[in-house]
Amino acid sequence: MKDKLLKIIQHYGINKQLKYIHSEYYELDEAIINYEWAESEYGRCNNDNIAGEIADIMVMLKQFQYYYGITDEQIEEIMNYKIDRQLDRISKEE
């Protein structure tokens, strides 16, 4: 997968992919809004559209990750730090 994603980002370039990821974020936003509206109106809904939009964004993020040589371990370490920091903030609010 890494080689495929690098080929894509190298073909289109960073600037084009940056613009593209913004449209993917918008599509996820719309999918969530539509899901929440439909659920409030009709009850239980299918979340396949949200899953597809998250996958699109993850594909884009992985392109940037590989392009800049960032490891999964680096990302996981930073994520854990940020999660713990946010949980600490929440505990102080309570």
N, C-alpha and C. Protein backbone atom coordinates (compact mmCIF):
# COMPACT_ATOMS: atom_id res chain seq x y z
N MET A 1 0.82 -1.19 0.00
CA MET A 1 0.00 0.00 0.00
C MET A 1 0.87 1.26 0.00
N LYS A 2 1.96 1.24 0.75
CA LYS A 2 2.82 2.41 0.86
C LYS A 2 3.30 2.87 -0.52
N ASP A 3 3.78 1.95 -1.32
CA ASP A 3 4.29 2.30 -2.66
C ASP A 3 3.18 2.89 -3.54
N LYS A 4 1.99 2.34 -3.44
CA LYS A 4 0.87 2.85 -4.23
C LYS A 4 0.51 4.28 -3.82
N LEU A 5 0.47 4.52 -2.52
CA LEU A 5 0.12 5.86 -2.04
C LEU A 5 1.19 6.88 -2.37
N LEU A 6 2.44 6.46 -2.28
CA LEU A 6 3.53 7.38 -2.67
C LEU A 6 3.46 7.71 -4.16
N LYS A 7 3.12 6.72 -4.97
CA LYS A 7 2.99 6.97 -6.40
C LYS A 7 1.90 8.00 -6.68
N ILE A 8 0.79 7.90 -5.96
CA ILE A 8 -0.31 8.84 -6.16
C ILE A 8 0.10 10.25 -5.79
N ILE A 9 0.68 10.43 -4.60
CA ILE A 9 1.03 11.78 -4.15
C ILE A 9 2.17 12.36 -4.98
N GLN A 10 3.08 11.53 -5.42
CA GLN A 10 4.16 12.04 -6.26
C GLN A 10 3.65 12.42 -7.64
N HIS A 11 2.65 11.72 -8.12
CA HIS A 11 2.07 12.03 -9.42
C HIS A 11 1.33 13.38 -9.39
N TYR A 12 0.48 13.57 -8.39
CA TYR A 12 -0.34 14.78 -8.33
C TYR A 12 0.37 15.95 -7.66
N GLY A 13 1.29 15.67 -6.75
CA GLY A 13 2.00 16.72 -6.03
C GLY A 13 1.29 17.11 -4.74
N ILE A 14 2.07 17.70 -3.86
CA ILE A 14 1.59 18.08 -2.53
C ILE A 14 0.45 19.09 -2.62
N ASN A 15 0.63 20.15 -3.38
CA ASN A 15 -0.38 21.21 -3.42
C ASN A 15 -1.73 20.72 -3.91
N LYS A 16 -1.73 19.89 -4.94
CA LYS A 16 -2.99 19.35 -5.46
C LYS A 16 -3.65 18.44 -4.42
N GLN A 17 -2.85 17.63 -3.76
CA GLN A 17 -3.41 16.72 -2.76
C GLN A 17 -3.90 17.48 -1.53
N LEU A 18 -3.25 18.59 -1.19
CA LEU A 18 -3.74 19.42 -0.09
C LEU A 18 -5.13 19.98 -0.42
N LYS A 19 -5.31 20.43 -1.64
CA LYS A 19 -6.63 20.92 -2.04
C LYS A 19 -7.65 19.79 -2.03
N TYR A 20 -7.23 18.62 -2.47
CA TYR A 20 -8.15 17.49 -2.54
C TYR A 20 -8.59 17.02 -1.16
N ILE A 21 -7.67 17.04 -0.19
CA ILE A 21 -8.03 16.57 1.15
C ILE A 21 -9.08 17.49 1.77
N HIS A 22 -9.06 18.76 1.42
CA HIS A 22 -10.08 19.68 1.93
C HIS A 22 -11.47 19.27 1.44
N SER A 23 -11.57 18.86 0.20
CA SER A 23 -12.87 18.42 -0.30
C SER A 23 -13.31 17.13 0.39
N GLU A 24 -12.36 16.28 0.73
CA GLU A 24 -12.69 15.05 1.45
C GLU A 24 -13.20 15.36 2.85
N TYR A 25 -12.58 16.33 3.53
CA TYR A 25 -13.06 16.74 4.85
C TYR A 25 -14.50 17.25 4.76
N TYR A 26 -14.76 18.04 3.74
CA TYR A 26 -16.11 18.57 3.53
C TYR A 26 -17.12 17.44 3.32
N GLU A 27 -16.75 16.45 2.53
CA GLU A 27 -17.65 15.33 2.27
C GLU A 27 -17.93 14.54 3.55
N LEU A 28 -16.92 14.38 4.41
CA LEU A 28 -17.15 13.70 5.69
C LEU A 28 -18.09 14.53 6.56
N ASP A 29 -17.87 15.82 6.59
CA ASP A 29 -18.73 16.71 7.35
C ASP A 29 -20.19 16.57 6.90
N GLU A 30 -20.39 16.57 5.60
CA GLU A 30 -21.74 16.44 5.04
C GLU A 30 -22.35 15.07 5.36
N ALA A 31 -21.54 14.02 5.29
CA ALA A 31 -22.03 12.68 5.59
C ALA A 31 -22.49 12.58 7.05
N ILE A 32 -21.74 13.20 7.95
CA ILE A 32 -22.10 13.17 9.37
C ILE A 32 -23.37 13.98 9.62
N ILE A 33 -23.43 15.16 9.02
CA ILE A 33 -24.63 16.00 9.18
C ILE A 33 -25.86 15.27 8.65
N ASN A 34 -25.74 14.67 7.48
CA ASN A 34 -26.88 13.94 6.90
C ASN A 34 -27.28 12.74 7.75
N TYR A 35 -26.29 12.04 8.28
CA TYR A 35 -26.57 10.90 9.15
C TYR A 35 -27.33 11.34 10.40
N GLU A 36 -26.81 12.39 11.05
CA GLU A 36 -27.44 12.86 12.28
C GLU A 36 -28.86 13.36 12.02
N TRP A 37 -29.05 14.05 10.91
CA TRP A 37 -30.40 14.52 10.57
C TRP A 37 -31.33 13.33 10.34
N ALA A 38 -30.88 12.38 9.53
CA ALA A 38 -31.72 11.22 9.21
C ALA A 38 -32.02 10.41 10.46
N GLU A 39 -31.04 10.28 11.33
CA GLU A 39 -31.28 9.51 12.55
C GLU A 39 -32.30 10.21 13.44
N SER A 40 -32.21 11.53 13.52
CA SER A 40 -33.17 12.25 14.36
C SER A 40 -34.58 12.20 13.76
N GLU A 41 -34.66 12.11 12.44
CA GLU A 41 -35.96 12.07 11.76
C GLU A 41 -36.55 10.67 11.67
N TYR A 42 -35.69 9.68 11.38
CA TYR A 42 -36.18 8.34 11.06
C TYR A 42 -35.71 7.25 12.01
N GLY A 43 -34.83 7.56 12.90
CA GLY A 43 -34.30 6.53 13.80
C GLY A 43 -32.99 5.96 13.28
N ARG A 44 -32.73 4.72 13.54
CA ARG A 44 -31.45 4.07 13.18
C ARG A 44 -31.14 4.21 11.69
N CYS A 45 -29.89 4.59 11.38
CA CYS A 45 -29.46 4.79 9.99
C CYS A 45 -28.21 3.98 9.70
N ASN A 46 -27.89 3.85 8.42
CA ASN A 46 -26.70 3.16 7.95
C ASN A 46 -25.53 4.15 7.94
N ASN A 47 -24.41 3.75 8.50
CA ASN A 47 -23.24 4.63 8.56
C ASN A 47 -22.20 4.33 7.49
N ASP A 48 -22.57 3.61 6.45
CA ASP A 48 -21.62 3.25 5.39
C ASP A 48 -21.02 4.48 4.71
N ASN A 49 -21.81 5.52 4.51
CA ASN A 49 -21.30 6.72 3.86
C ASN A 49 -20.23 7.39 4.71
N ILE A 50 -20.46 7.43 6.01
CA ILE A 50 -19.45 8.00 6.92
C ILE A 50 -18.18 7.17 6.86
N ALA A 51 -18.32 5.86 6.89
CA ALA A 51 -17.15 4.97 6.83
C ALA A 51 -16.36 5.20 5.55
N GLY A 52 -17.06 5.36 4.43
CA GLY A 52 -16.39 5.60 3.16
C GLY A 52 -15.63 6.92 3.15
N GLU A 53 -16.23 7.95 3.74
CA GLU A 53 -15.56 9.26 3.77
C GLU A 53 -14.36 9.24 4.71
N ILE A 54 -14.48 8.53 5.82
CA ILE A 54 -13.32 8.39 6.72
C ILE A 54 -12.20 7.65 5.99
N ALA A 55 -12.54 6.62 5.24
CA ALA A 55 -11.53 5.88 4.47
C ALA A 55 -10.84 6.80 3.47
N ASP A 56 -11.62 7.65 2.79
CA ASP A 56 -11.03 8.59 1.83
C ASP A 56 -10.01 9.50 2.51
N ILE A 57 -10.37 10.02 3.68
CA ILE A 57 -9.46 10.91 4.39
C ILE A 57 -8.23 10.15 4.88
N MET A 58 -8.43 8.94 5.34
CA MET A 58 -7.29 8.15 5.81
C MET A 58 -6.33 7.84 4.67
N VAL A 59 -6.85 7.59 3.48
CA VAL A 59 -5.99 7.37 2.31
C VAL A 59 -5.16 8.63 2.06
N MET A 60 -5.79 9.78 2.14
CA MET A 60 -5.07 11.04 1.92
C MET A 60 -4.01 11.26 3.01
N LEU A 61 -4.39 11.03 4.26
CA LEU A 61 -3.45 11.23 5.36
C LEU A 61 -2.26 10.29 5.26
N LYS A 62 -2.52 9.06 4.85
CA LYS A 62 -1.41 8.11 4.69
C LYS A 62 -0.46 8.56 3.58
N GLN A 63 -0.99 9.18 2.53
CA GLN A 63 -0.13 9.72 1.48
C GLN A 63 0.86 10.73 2.06
N PHE A 64 0.34 11.66 2.86
CA PHE A 64 1.20 12.68 3.47
C PHE A 64 2.18 12.05 4.46
N GLN A 65 1.68 11.09 5.22
CA GLN A 65 2.54 10.41 6.19
C GLN A 65 3.74 9.77 5.49
N TYR A 66 3.48 9.01 4.45
CA TYR A 66 4.56 8.33 3.75
C TYR A 66 5.45 9.31 3.00
N TYR A 67 4.86 10.32 2.41
CA TYR A 67 5.64 11.32 1.67
C TYR A 67 6.67 12.00 2.57
N TYR A 68 6.25 12.29 3.81
CA TYR A 68 7.15 12.98 4.73
C TYR A 68 7.94 12.03 5.63
N GLY A 69 7.83 10.73 5.38
CA GLY A 69 8.63 9.75 6.12
C GLY A 69 8.29 9.65 7.60
N ILE A 70 7.03 9.79 7.92
CA ILE A 70 6.58 9.72 9.31
C ILE A 70 6.11 8.30 9.60
N THR A 71 6.61 7.74 10.69
CA THR A 71 6.28 6.35 11.02
C THR A 71 4.96 6.27 11.79
N ASP A 72 4.38 5.07 11.76
CA ASP A 72 3.17 4.82 12.55
C ASP A 72 3.46 5.04 14.04
N GLU A 73 4.65 4.65 14.46
CA GLU A 73 5.04 4.80 15.86
C GLU A 73 5.07 6.28 16.27
N GLN A 74 5.61 7.14 15.41
CA GLN A 74 5.62 8.57 15.71
C GLN A 74 4.20 9.10 15.90
N ILE A 75 3.34 8.72 14.99
CA ILE A 75 1.96 9.19 15.05
C ILE A 75 1.26 8.65 16.29
N GLU A 76 1.44 7.37 16.58
CA GLU A 76 0.79 6.79 17.74
C GLU A 76 1.27 7.44 19.04
N GLU A 77 2.56 7.72 19.14
CA GLU A 77 3.10 8.37 20.34
C GLU A 77 2.48 9.76 20.53
N ILE A 78 2.41 10.52 19.46
CA ILE A 78 1.83 11.86 19.54
C ILE A 78 0.33 11.78 19.84
N MET A 79 -0.35 10.84 19.20
CA MET A 79 -1.78 10.67 19.47
C MET A 79 -2.03 10.34 20.93
N ASN A 80 -1.25 9.42 21.49
CA ASN A 80 -1.42 9.06 22.89
C ASN A 80 -1.21 10.26 23.80
N TYR A 81 -0.18 11.07 23.51
CA TYR A 81 0.07 12.27 24.29
C TYR A 81 -1.13 13.22 24.22
N LYS A 82 -1.65 13.45 23.01
CA LYS A 82 -2.77 14.38 22.84
C LYS A 82 -4.05 13.85 23.47
N ILE A 83 -4.28 12.55 23.38
CA ILE A 83 -5.45 11.95 24.02
C ILE A 83 -5.36 12.11 25.54
N ASP A 84 -4.21 11.78 26.10
CA ASP A 84 -4.03 11.91 27.55
C ASP A 84 -4.19 13.36 27.99
N ARG A 85 -3.65 14.29 27.22
CA ARG A 85 -3.77 15.71 27.54
C ARG A 85 -5.24 16.14 27.55
N GLN A 86 -6.00 15.69 26.55
CA GLN A 86 -7.42 16.06 26.49
C GLN A 86 -8.20 15.43 27.64
N LEU A 87 -7.91 14.17 27.96
CA LEU A 87 -8.58 13.54 29.09
C LEU A 87 -8.26 14.25 30.40
N ASP A 88 -7.04 14.75 30.52
CA ASP A 88 -6.66 15.53 31.70
C ASP A 88 -7.49 16.82 31.75
N ARG A 89 -7.66 17.48 30.62
CA ARG A 89 -8.49 18.69 30.57
C ARG A 89 -9.93 18.39 30.97
N ILE A 90 -10.46 17.27 30.47
CA ILE A 90 -11.83 16.89 30.81
C ILE A 90 -11.97 16.64 32.31
N SER A 91 -11.01 15.94 32.89
CA SER A 91 -11.09 15.65 34.32
C SER A 91 -11.04 16.93 35.15
N LYS A 92 -10.34 17.94 34.68
CA LYS A 92 -10.29 19.23 35.39
C LYS A 92 -11.60 20.00 35.27
N GLU A 93 -12.35 19.74 34.19
CA GLU A 93 -13.65 20.39 33.99
C GLU A 93 -14.73 19.80 34.88
N GLU A 94 -14.56 18.54 35.24
CA GLU A 94 -15.61 17.84 35.99
C GLU A 94 -15.59 18.15 37.47
